[in-house]
Amino acid sequence: MFRLILYLIILVLVYWVVKRALFPPKGKAKGPEEIGEEMIQDPVCQCYVSKRHSYAVSIRGKKLFFCSEECYRKYMSSKVLPKT
């Protein structure tokens, strides 16, 4: 009886090792923070958005990033841009 239990334990361990070797466990999906993606703060609503998903515009040679087109419009309506 002892041998049977010992064989079962060895069989389970061998199965576990082979399974881990052939099919490594998949990790959870990685978010922007884990990938190392750069986060940008919106100048209007102060929320953070990834640079890749931001609404980017160039105003007078300066690149600005917004979380949405709505925040961009609010920014433009609140700023009086001098003429050049």
Protein backbone atom coordinates (compact mmCIF):
# COMPACT_ATOMS: atom_id res chain seq x y z
CA MET A 1 0.00 0.00 0.00
CA PHE A 2 2.85 2.36 0.85
CA ARG A 3 4.43 1.74 -2.56
CA LEU A 4 1.18 2.62 -4.34
CA ILE A 5 0.94 5.97 -2.53
CA LEU A 6 4.62 6.66 -3.25
CA TYR A 7 4.12 5.87 -6.97
CA LEU A 8 1.10 8.16 -7.12
CA ILE A 9 3.03 11.02 -5.55
CA ILE A 10 5.94 10.51 -7.97
CA LEU A 11 3.52 10.31 -10.90
CA VAL A 12 1.83 13.57 -9.89
CA LEU A 13 5.20 15.31 -9.50
CA VAL A 14 6.40 14.10 -12.91
CA TYR A 15 3.11 15.20 -14.48
CA TRP A 16 3.41 18.66 -12.86
CA VAL A 17 7.04 19.12 -14.00
CA VAL A 18 6.29 18.03 -17.58
CA LYS A 19 3.21 20.22 -17.76
CA ARG A 20 5.14 23.27 -16.51
CA ALA A 21 7.98 22.59 -18.96
CA LEU A 22 5.75 22.15 -22.02
CA PHE A 23 3.08 24.72 -21.17
CA PRO A 24 4.47 27.58 -19.05
CA PRO A 25 1.86 29.52 -17.07
CA LYS A 26 0.53 32.62 -18.73
CA GLY A 27 0.79 35.84 -16.75
CA LYS A 28 -1.96 38.35 -16.36
CA ALA A 29 -2.42 41.03 -18.99
CA LYS A 30 -0.03 43.90 -18.46
CA GLY A 31 -1.22 47.46 -18.19
CA PRO A 32 0.64 50.59 -19.25
CA GLU A 33 2.42 50.87 -15.90
CA GLU A 34 3.82 47.35 -16.17
CA ILE A 35 4.86 47.71 -19.80
CA GLY A 36 6.70 50.94 -19.09
CA GLU A 37 4.54 53.14 -21.26
CA GLU A 38 4.89 56.86 -20.63
CA MET A 39 1.94 58.54 -18.89
CA ILE A 40 1.10 62.19 -19.58
CA GLN A 41 -0.96 64.57 -17.43
CA ASP A 42 -3.75 66.43 -19.17
CA PRO A 43 -3.31 70.20 -18.58
CA VAL A 44 -7.08 70.76 -18.30
CA CYS A 45 -8.57 67.98 -16.16
CA GLN A 46 -5.26 66.85 -14.61
CA CYS A 47 -5.94 63.16 -15.33
CA TYR A 48 -3.19 60.86 -16.58
CA VAL A 49 -3.38 59.16 -19.95
CA SER A 50 -0.87 57.05 -21.83
CA LYS A 51 1.04 58.94 -24.47
CA ARG A 52 -0.05 56.43 -27.09
CA HIS A 53 -3.77 56.97 -26.36
CA SER A 54 -3.66 60.72 -25.86
CA TYR A 55 -5.04 63.47 -28.10
CA ALA A 56 -1.81 65.15 -29.25
CA VAL A 57 -1.65 68.61 -30.82
CA SER A 58 1.14 71.01 -31.67
CA ILE A 59 0.51 74.62 -30.65
CA ARG A 60 3.14 77.14 -31.69
CA GLY A 61 5.77 74.42 -31.95
CA LYS A 62 5.01 72.99 -28.52
CA LYS A 63 3.54 69.48 -28.35
CA LEU A 64 0.61 69.17 -25.92
CA PHE A 65 -1.23 66.01 -24.92
CA PHE A 66 -4.87 65.82 -23.82
CA CYS A 67 -7.04 62.96 -22.64
CA SER A 68 -9.74 63.85 -25.17
CA GLU A 69 -10.73 66.29 -27.86
CA GLU A 70 -13.16 67.84 -25.38
CA CYS A 71 -10.31 68.80 -23.04
CA TYR A 72 -8.40 70.21 -26.01
CA ARG A 73 -11.38 72.42 -26.89
CA LYS A 74 -11.69 73.59 -23.28
CA TYR A 75 -7.97 74.44 -23.29
CA MET A 76 -8.25 76.39 -26.54
CA SER A 77 -11.34 78.31 -25.38
CA SER A 78 -9.69 79.30 -22.10
CA LYS A 79 -6.41 80.44 -23.67
CA VAL A 80 -6.10 83.69 -25.61
CA LEU A 81 -3.31 83.00 -28.05
CA PRO A 82 -1.36 86.07 -29.19
CA LYS A 83 -1.03 86.62 -32.91
CA THR A 84 2.41 86.20 -34.43
